[in-house]
Protein backbone atom coordinates (compact mmCIF):
# COMPACT_ATOMS: atom_id res chain seq x y z
CA MET A 1 -0.85 20.09 -5.97
CA THR A 2 -3.93 18.35 -6.97
CA SER A 3 -7.40 19.96 -6.99
CA ARG A 4 -9.22 20.16 -3.63
CA THR A 5 -12.06 17.92 -2.87
CA ARG A 6 -15.41 19.17 -1.81
CA GLY A 7 -18.35 17.35 -0.56
CA VAL A 8 -21.51 16.69 2.97
CA GLU A 9 -21.94 16.94 6.97
CA GLY A 10 -21.52 15.46 10.35
CA THR A 11 -22.67 16.20 13.76
CA MET A 12 -20.44 16.68 16.68
CA ILE A 13 -21.00 16.14 20.25
CA VAL A 14 -18.81 17.86 22.77
CA GLN A 15 -18.77 16.18 26.07
CA ARG A 16 -19.11 18.37 29.03
CA ARG A 17 -16.85 17.42 31.88
CA ALA A 18 -17.46 18.62 35.36
CA VAL A 19 -14.52 20.29 37.00
CA THR A 20 -15.83 19.71 40.47
CA ALA A 21 -15.87 16.01 39.96
CA VAL A 22 -12.38 16.19 38.75
CA LEU A 23 -10.87 18.12 41.71
CA ALA A 24 -12.32 15.33 44.00
CA ALA A 25 -10.51 12.68 41.77
CA ALA A 26 -7.20 14.64 41.41
CA THR A 27 -5.22 12.25 43.51
CA LEU A 28 -5.99 9.37 41.01
CA LEU A 29 -2.97 8.04 39.14
CA LEU A 30 -2.57 10.16 35.96
CA THR A 31 -0.90 8.40 33.05
CA ALA A 32 -0.42 10.50 30.04
CA GLY A 33 1.38 11.53 26.80
CA CYS A 34 2.51 14.61 24.52
CA SER A 35 10.46 19.69 13.70
CA SER A 36 10.73 22.58 13.04
CA ASP A 37 8.32 23.21 10.11
CA GLY A 38 10.24 24.26 7.07
CA GLU A 39 13.83 23.14 8.32
CA ALA A 40 16.19 20.77 6.48
CA SER A 41 15.55 17.09 6.55
CA PRO A 42 18.27 14.64 7.26
CA PRO A 43 20.69 13.58 4.59
CA GLY A 44 19.02 10.69 2.66
CA GLY A 45 15.59 11.37 4.09
CA GLY A 46 13.83 8.74 6.25
CA THR A 47 10.71 7.04 7.06
CA ALA A 48 8.34 6.84 10.02
CA THR A 49 9.35 4.46 12.66
CA SER A 50 7.78 3.20 15.79
CA SER A 51 9.02 1.61 18.96
CA ARG A 52 7.55 -1.33 21.03
CA ALA A 53 7.73 -1.58 24.71
CA THR A 54 10.92 -0.29 26.38
CA ALA A 55 12.06 0.58 29.81
CA GLN A 56 10.92 4.15 29.03
CA SER A 57 7.33 3.31 27.84
CA SER A 58 5.31 2.53 30.92
CA PRO A 59 1.90 0.87 30.44
CA SER A 60 -0.97 2.44 32.36
CA GLY A 61 -2.10 -0.60 34.15
CA ALA A 62 -5.48 -0.35 32.41
CA ALA A 63 -7.21 -3.46 31.22
CA ALA A 64 -5.97 -5.04 28.08
CA GLU A 65 -7.58 -3.46 24.88
CA GLU A 66 -7.67 -4.87 21.44
CA PRO A 67 -5.51 -2.85 18.99
CA PRO A 68 -7.05 -1.57 15.83
CA PRO A 69 -6.18 -3.22 12.48
CA ALA A 70 -2.79 -2.61 11.09
CA LYS A 71 -4.26 -0.85 8.04
CA GLY A 72 -6.72 1.76 8.08
CA SER A 73 -8.48 4.12 5.62
CA VAL A 74 -9.39 7.73 5.24
CA GLU A 75 -12.27 9.11 3.05
CA VAL A 76 -12.85 12.70 2.53
CA VAL A 77 -16.57 13.08 2.91
CA ARG A 78 -16.80 16.73 1.91
CA THR A 79 -15.32 20.20 2.34
CA VAL A 80 -17.24 21.88 5.05
CA THR A 81 -16.07 25.34 4.38
CA GLU A 82 -13.30 27.33 2.66
CA GLY A 83 -11.94 30.76 2.32
CA LEU A 84 -10.32 30.70 5.87
CA ASP A 85 -7.27 33.01 6.65
CA SER A 86 -4.32 31.46 8.66
CA PRO A 87 -6.66 29.03 10.55
CA TRP A 88 -5.10 27.41 13.58
CA GLY A 89 -7.22 26.45 16.57
CA LEU A 90 -10.53 24.54 16.27
CA ALA A 91 -13.22 23.81 18.91
CA ALA A 92 -16.60 22.17 18.55
CA LEU A 93 -19.70 23.75 19.87
CA PRO A 94 -22.46 21.54 21.52
CA ASP A 95 -24.73 22.04 18.52
CA GLY A 96 -22.08 20.66 16.12
CA ASP A 97 -20.83 24.06 14.73
CA LEU A 98 -17.18 24.82 14.74
CA LEU A 99 -15.10 27.70 16.10
CA VAL A 100 -11.87 28.34 14.34
CA SER A 101 -9.10 30.96 15.31
CA SER A 102 -7.09 32.98 12.72
CA ARG A 103 -3.53 33.15 13.83
CA ASP A 104 -2.69 36.23 11.80
CA GLU A 105 -6.04 38.11 11.96
CA GLY A 106 -6.53 37.49 15.77
CA THR A 107 -10.24 36.64 15.14
CA ILE A 108 -12.48 33.81 16.07
CA THR A 109 -15.06 32.63 13.46
CA ARG A 110 -18.07 30.30 13.78
CA VAL A 111 -18.50 27.91 10.92
CA ASP A 112 -22.04 26.35 10.37
CA THR A 113 -21.20 22.86 9.53
CA GLU A 114 -24.38 22.32 7.52
CA THR A 115 -24.00 25.32 5.16
CA GLY A 116 -20.33 26.33 5.70
CA ARG A 117 -21.37 29.86 6.37
CA HIS A 118 -18.91 31.99 8.39
CA THR A 119 -19.83 34.24 11.28
CA GLU A 120 -17.22 36.32 12.98
CA LEU A 121 -17.43 36.40 16.78
CA GLY A 122 -14.92 39.10 17.13
CA GLU A 123 -11.19 40.06 17.34
CA VAL A 124 -9.33 39.00 20.43
CA PRO A 125 -7.82 42.15 22.09
CA GLY A 126 -4.08 41.96 22.74
CA VAL A 127 -3.13 39.57 19.98
CA SER A 128 0.39 40.46 18.53
CA PRO A 129 0.85 38.18 15.51
CA ALA A 130 4.41 37.78 14.10
CA GLY A 131 6.28 34.78 12.63
CA GLU A 132 4.81 31.63 14.16
CA GLY A 133 3.05 33.53 16.97
CA GLY A 134 -0.64 34.97 17.06
CA LEU A 135 -3.92 33.65 18.07
CA MET A 136 -3.60 29.85 18.22
CA GLY A 137 -5.29 27.29 20.40
CA LEU A 138 -8.97 27.22 21.39
CA ALA A 139 -10.86 25.24 23.93
CA LEU A 140 -14.34 25.42 25.51
CA SER A 141 -14.74 25.61 29.14
CA PRO A 142 -15.88 22.28 30.83
CA ASP A 143 -18.81 24.29 32.04
CA TYR A 144 -19.62 25.75 28.70
CA ALA A 145 -23.28 24.92 28.96
CA SER A 146 -23.64 27.41 31.80
CA ASP A 147 -20.67 29.86 31.43
CA HIS A 148 -20.33 30.05 27.67
CA MET A 149 -16.50 30.63 28.06
CA ILE A 150 -14.02 30.17 25.21
CA TYR A 151 -10.44 29.78 26.17
CA ALA A 152 -7.70 30.90 23.72
CA TYR A 153 -3.89 30.75 23.71
CA PHE A 154 -2.17 33.70 22.00
CA THR A 155 1.04 35.77 21.52
CA SER A 156 0.85 39.23 23.07
CA ALA A 157 3.40 41.98 22.80
CA SER A 158 5.28 40.52 25.84
CA ASP A 159 4.58 36.83 26.17
CA ASN A 160 2.33 33.87 25.14
CA ARG A 161 -0.76 33.71 27.56
CA ILE A 162 -4.14 31.93 27.92
CA VAL A 163 -7.31 34.00 28.18
CA ARG A 164 -11.08 33.21 28.44
CA MET A 165 -13.88 35.19 26.91
CA ARG A 166 -17.68 34.91 27.26
CA TYR A 167 -19.44 34.12 24.04
CA ASP A 168 -22.80 35.92 23.61
CA GLU A 169 -24.55 34.68 20.52
CA GLN A 170 -27.35 37.24 21.01
CA LYS A 171 -24.99 40.17 20.15
CA PRO A 172 -24.25 41.27 16.54
CA SER A 173 -21.68 39.57 14.55
CA GLY A 174 -18.14 40.96 15.41
CA GLU A 175 -19.26 41.94 18.95
CA GLN A 176 -20.03 38.61 20.43
CA LEU A 177 -16.80 38.14 22.49
CA GLY A 178 -16.64 39.58 25.94
CA ALA A 179 -13.50 41.17 27.39
CA PRO A 180 -10.71 38.57 27.91
CA ASP A 181 -9.99 37.46 31.47
CA THR A 182 -6.16 36.40 31.58
CA VAL A 183 -6.10 33.00 33.01
CA PHE A 184 -2.25 32.37 32.63
CA ARG A 185 0.60 34.56 31.41
CA GLY A 186 4.33 34.51 31.19
CA ILE A 187 4.91 31.69 28.74
CA PRO A 188 8.02 32.69 26.72
CA LYS A 189 7.45 34.06 23.25
CA GLY A 190 9.44 34.15 20.14
CA PHE A 191 9.36 34.63 16.35
CA ILE A 192 9.30 30.74 16.22
CA HIS A 193 8.38 27.86 18.55
CA ASN A 194 5.40 29.39 20.47
CA GLY A 195 3.52 26.08 20.97
CA GLY A 196 0.04 27.04 21.15
CA ARG A 197 -2.27 23.97 21.60
CA ILE A 198 -4.60 24.00 24.52
CA ALA A 199 -7.23 21.34 25.59
CA PHE A 200 -9.27 20.36 28.56
CA GLY A 201 -8.36 16.77 29.63
CA PRO A 202 -10.74 14.04 30.83
CA ASP A 203 -9.73 15.27 34.41
CA GLY A 204 -11.18 18.70 33.71
CA MET A 205 -7.79 20.31 33.89
CA LEU A 206 -6.45 22.62 31.16
CA TYR A 207 -3.25 21.41 29.31
CA ALA A 208 -1.11 23.68 27.11
CA GLY A 209 1.81 22.81 24.87
CA THR A 210 4.42 25.41 24.72
CA GLY A 211 7.60 25.92 22.70
CA GLU A 212 11.19 26.91 23.61
CA THR A 213 11.19 30.02 21.26
CA GLY A 214 14.46 28.84 19.72
CA GLU A 215 16.26 29.10 23.16
CA GLU A 216 17.01 25.54 23.62
CA GLY A 217 18.03 25.74 27.23
CA LEU A 218 14.52 26.55 28.32
CA SER A 219 13.30 23.10 27.61
CA GLN A 220 15.48 21.41 30.51
CA ASP A 221 14.89 24.28 32.87
CA ARG A 222 11.99 23.29 35.13
CA GLU A 223 11.63 26.92 36.23
CA SER A 224 10.85 28.11 32.70
CA LEU A 225 7.51 27.60 31.03
CA GLY A 226 9.02 27.23 27.55
CA GLY A 227 9.35 23.76 26.05
CA LYS A 228 6.74 22.08 28.33
CA ILE A 229 3.36 20.73 28.67
CA LEU A 230 1.60 22.65 31.36
CA ARG A 231 -1.48 21.51 33.52
CA MET A 232 -3.59 23.82 35.37
CA THR A 233 -7.10 24.32 36.75
CA PRO A 234 -9.55 26.24 34.60
CA ASP A 235 -8.48 29.39 36.74
CA GLY A 236 -4.87 28.96 35.83
CA GLU A 237 -3.53 27.56 39.09
CA PRO A 238 -1.21 24.61 39.33
CA ALA A 239 -3.49 21.48 39.10
CA PRO A 240 -3.74 19.17 41.98
CA GLY A 241 -1.50 16.06 41.59
CA ASN A 242 1.10 17.87 39.34
CA PRO A 243 4.57 16.23 39.55
CA PHE A 244 6.42 19.39 40.76
CA PRO A 245 4.77 20.99 43.87
CA GLY A 246 3.46 24.45 43.20
CA SER A 247 4.29 24.30 39.52
CA THR A 248 2.12 23.99 36.24
CA VAL A 249 4.85 22.02 34.49
CA TYR A 250 3.52 18.51 33.72
CA SER A 251 6.37 17.34 31.47
CA TYR A 252 9.51 18.98 30.05
CA GLY A 253 12.35 18.54 27.60
CA HIS A 254 10.03 19.38 24.64
CA ARG A 255 11.04 21.58 21.65
CA ASN A 256 7.61 22.78 20.35
CA VAL A 257 4.30 20.94 21.37
CA GLN A 258 1.43 21.74 19.12
CA GLY A 259 -0.63 18.45 19.43
CA LEU A 260 -2.39 17.13 22.40
CA ALA A 261 -4.83 14.22 22.57
CA TRP A 262 -6.28 11.50 24.95
CA ASP A 263 -7.09 7.95 24.12
CA SER A 264 -10.09 6.10 25.37
CA LYS A 265 -8.23 5.17 28.67
CA GLN A 266 -7.48 8.89 29.42
CA ARG A 267 -3.70 8.47 28.37
CA LEU A 268 -2.10 11.73 27.01
CA PHE A 269 -0.26 11.82 23.83
CA ALA A 270 1.59 14.84 22.28
CA ALA A 271 3.33 15.54 19.06
CA GLU A 272 6.30 17.92 18.65
CA PHE A 273 8.43 19.28 15.94
CA GLY A 274 12.12 17.95 15.75
CA GLN A 275 14.85 20.10 14.41
CA ASN A 276 16.79 18.49 11.48
CA THR A 277 16.29 14.85 12.06
CA TRP A 278 13.17 13.59 13.96
CA ASP A 279 9.60 14.66 14.65
CA GLU A 280 7.96 12.91 17.58
CA LEU A 281 4.80 11.49 18.97
CA ASN A 282 5.14 10.90 22.68
CA ALA A 283 3.12 9.15 25.36
CA ILE A 284 3.23 11.63 28.13
CA GLU A 285 3.93 10.66 31.73
CA PRO A 286 3.84 13.27 34.63
CA GLY A 287 7.32 14.61 35.38
CA GLY A 288 8.67 12.93 32.25
CA ASN A 289 11.78 14.46 30.55
CA TYR A 290 11.48 14.13 26.80
CA GLY A 291 15.09 15.04 26.10
CA TRP A 292 15.20 18.26 23.96
CA PRO A 293 17.89 19.56 23.34
CA GLU A 294 20.07 16.80 24.67
CA VAL A 295 18.50 14.25 22.38
CA GLU A 296 16.26 14.32 19.27
CA GLY A 297 14.24 11.33 18.55
CA ARG A 298 15.18 8.10 20.34
CA SER A 299 18.28 7.51 22.49
CA ASP A 300 19.78 5.04 24.87
CA ASP A 301 19.91 7.41 27.73
CA SER A 302 17.46 6.33 30.34
CA ALA A 303 17.23 9.86 31.68
CA TYR A 304 14.93 10.75 28.80
CA ARG A 305 11.69 9.19 27.68
CA ASN A 306 11.75 7.86 24.11
CA PRO A 307 9.05 8.82 21.48
CA ILE A 308 6.61 5.95 20.58
CA ALA A 309 6.98 7.00 16.95
CA GLN A 310 9.37 9.32 15.00
CA TRP A 311 9.44 10.69 11.39
CA SER A 312 11.95 12.65 9.30
CA THR A 313 11.07 16.34 9.33
CA ASP A 314 10.19 16.41 5.73
CA GLU A 315 7.60 13.67 6.27
CA ALA A 316 5.73 15.32 9.17
CA SER A 317 6.44 18.58 10.89
CA PRO A 318 3.35 17.63 13.15
CA SER A 319 0.89 20.18 14.54
CA GLY A 320 -2.50 19.02 15.71
CA ILE A 321 -3.39 15.31 16.74
CA ALA A 322 -6.73 13.58 17.58
CA TYR A 323 -7.64 10.10 18.78
CA ALA A 324 -10.25 8.01 17.01
CA GLU A 325 -10.95 4.37 16.20
CA GLY A 326 -8.02 3.11 18.23
CA SER A 327 -5.35 5.31 16.55
CA ILE A 328 -3.84 8.74 16.81
CA TRP A 329 -4.31 10.87 13.72
CA MET A 330 -1.58 13.40 13.24
CA ALA A 331 -1.65 16.37 10.83
CA GLY A 332 1.67 17.27 8.91
CA LEU A 333 2.54 20.65 7.83
CA ARG A 334 5.69 20.34 5.78
CA GLY A 335 4.77 16.56 5.23
CA GLU A 336 1.49 17.64 3.73
CA ARG A 337 -0.15 14.48 4.89
CA LEU A 338 -2.27 12.88 7.63
CA TRP A 339 -0.69 10.09 9.66
CA ARG A 340 -2.47 7.23 11.16
CA ILE A 341 -0.62 5.65 14.28
CA PRO A 342 -2.46 2.57 15.56
CA LEU A 343 -2.03 2.11 19.31
CA ASP A 344 -1.69 -0.85 21.59
CA GLY A 345 -1.87 0.81 25.01
CA THR A 346 1.05 3.41 24.99
CA GLU A 347 2.79 1.54 22.20
CA VAL A 348 2.54 1.72 18.54
CA SER A 349 0.96 -1.52 17.31
CA ALA A 350 1.69 -1.34 13.56
CA ASP A 351 3.72 0.90 11.17
CA PRO A 352 2.31 4.41 10.84
CA GLN A 353 0.39 5.02 7.69
CA ALA A 354 0.12 8.11 5.56
CA PHE A 355 -2.96 9.52 3.82
CA LEU A 356 -3.71 12.51 1.66
CA GLU A 357 -0.20 13.08 0.59
CA GLY A 358 -0.12 16.41 -1.12
CA GLU A 359 -3.72 16.52 -1.95
CA TYR A 360 -4.62 19.44 0.42
CA GLY A 361 -1.24 20.91 1.09
CA ARG A 362 -0.20 21.88 4.62
CA LEU A 363 -2.37 20.29 7.37
CA ARG A 364 -2.66 22.18 10.69
CA THR A 365 -5.35 20.81 12.99
CA VAL A 366 -7.27 17.61 13.39
CA LEU A 367 -10.31 17.15 15.84
CA ALA A 368 -12.26 14.15 16.71
CA ALA A 369 -15.98 14.20 15.97
CA ASP A 370 -18.46 11.39 16.46
CA GLY A 371 -17.10 7.88 16.24
CA ASP A 372 -15.21 7.54 12.95
CA LYS A 373 -15.40 11.09 11.88
CA LEU A 374 -12.69 13.80 12.10
CA TRP A 375 -12.49 17.57 11.19
CA LEU A 376 -9.27 18.47 9.42
CA VAL A 377 -8.00 22.01 8.91
CA THR A 378 -5.56 23.01 6.16
CA SER A 379 -2.77 25.56 6.48
CA GLU A 380 -1.86 26.98 3.17
CA THR A 381 -2.20 30.60 4.01
CA ASP A 382 0.11 30.66 6.94
CA GLY A 383 3.06 32.39 4.98
CA ARG A 384 4.72 29.00 4.14
CA GLY A 385 2.15 27.49 1.83
CA SER A 386 1.15 27.94 -1.85
CA PRO A 387 -2.53 28.65 -1.55
CA ASP A 388 -4.86 27.47 -4.26
CA GLU A 389 -8.35 28.97 -4.84
CA GLY A 390 -10.49 28.24 -1.86
CA ASP A 391 -7.66 27.81 0.68
CA ASP A 392 -7.86 27.44 3.66
CA ARG A 393 -10.57 24.92 4.33
CA ILE A 394 -12.07 22.46 6.82
CA LEU A 395 -12.66 18.89 5.68
CA GLU A 396 -14.80 16.26 7.09
CA LEU A 397 -13.14 12.88 7.25
CA GLU A 398 -14.44 9.38 7.79
CA VAL A 399 -11.59 7.04 9.10
CA SER A 400 -10.84 3.56 10.24
C-alpha cells in the first residue's frame, strides 16, 4: 500500500430540515433509491457496469437535468485527522466539526476539522460489538439546533436498534452524552450483515439500511426488519406515506445496505453488498423488491428492480455513499477505491470511474460537504485491513 497523503480544511454546512413541515407534505409522491466484504469474487473477475432506462427504472417525473461530464476527478486536499479506531459512522455538526463513531469501542468522538484534534463525547451504553456489529451509523436530529440530539444505530446483546442521545458540550470530555432513548428496536442482528447506515431524508424522516444477518429468507419476508430499508418518524413510528400500512418497511429484497444518499431532486439511492458475484447501486422506489436472495445483480424477472450499476465483489464491497456534483460517490471496502457514478435522473449517464485505488486501503464512509467537497473515512482497523501508521483517518476531498 502506498504512503498516506496528508494535507488542509473545509467548512461544512448541515442543513436543518423541519419535521413539522415534512409531516404536512407526507402525501407528496416519494421517489427514491437504496457483497459481502471479504467474500470470493466471480471466476475471471469483472468490471463495473451500468444500465440505462429499463421497465424497472422509473423516472421521477422531475424536470430534465443536465448530467455531469462523463469523466470526473478527485483531489485529496488533506488528511483531516488520523489515529481513529474502527471508525464507521460520520455526521457533520453545524460549525463544521465532525462526529465519528467507533464500531468496536462503542464511542463517539468529535473531530475538530481545523486542527484534527479528537474529543471523546462518551461511550454509548448497551453496544455489544462482535464481527460486523457494534456502534455504526450516526445522524443528527432535524431539530439539532434546538434539541442537540444525536441518533445512533448499534448492535446490542439482543438486536440492532436506533437510539438518540442529547449532546451537552458543556460537560467534561467523556461525559457529554445523555442517557440513550431507544427510538426503534428489534432489527435482527448477526455476526455478519447488520446494515447500520442511518440518515434523515429531505422529508425529515429517518431512514435505516439493515442486513439479513446471513439468513437469506429475511430479505423477502415483509414482516421481518432484516434486509430492508426502513423509513420512520424521528420518534420511530412508521412514517406517513409508507408503502405498507403500519410498517416501517420502505423497500425490501436487500442483502446488506450500508449506503444511503439523496440527489438534488430528493431521489434516494442505496448501495449494498452482493455475495459472490455482484455488488449493487440501486435507485430506491417505495415498496420496491430488489431481489435478494432470488437474484444477485440484474435479472430479466420483472418482479424485481434492477440495480442501476453493479460491480464484481473484489472491485467494490460498498459501504457509504454520498451525492455531489451530479454523481454518487461510493466507498469500497474490499475494492479499496472510491467510485464515481454519474447520474442522469435515476440512470447512470456514463461508465463508473474508480479513484484512489489502493492508496488509502479500505474505504468505509463518504459524506458530502459544501459543493465539490467530500469527507472520506478509511477502514483499515476493522479487523480485515492491514493498518499503516496513522490509520484510520478522515480525508478531505475535492471532486468533480
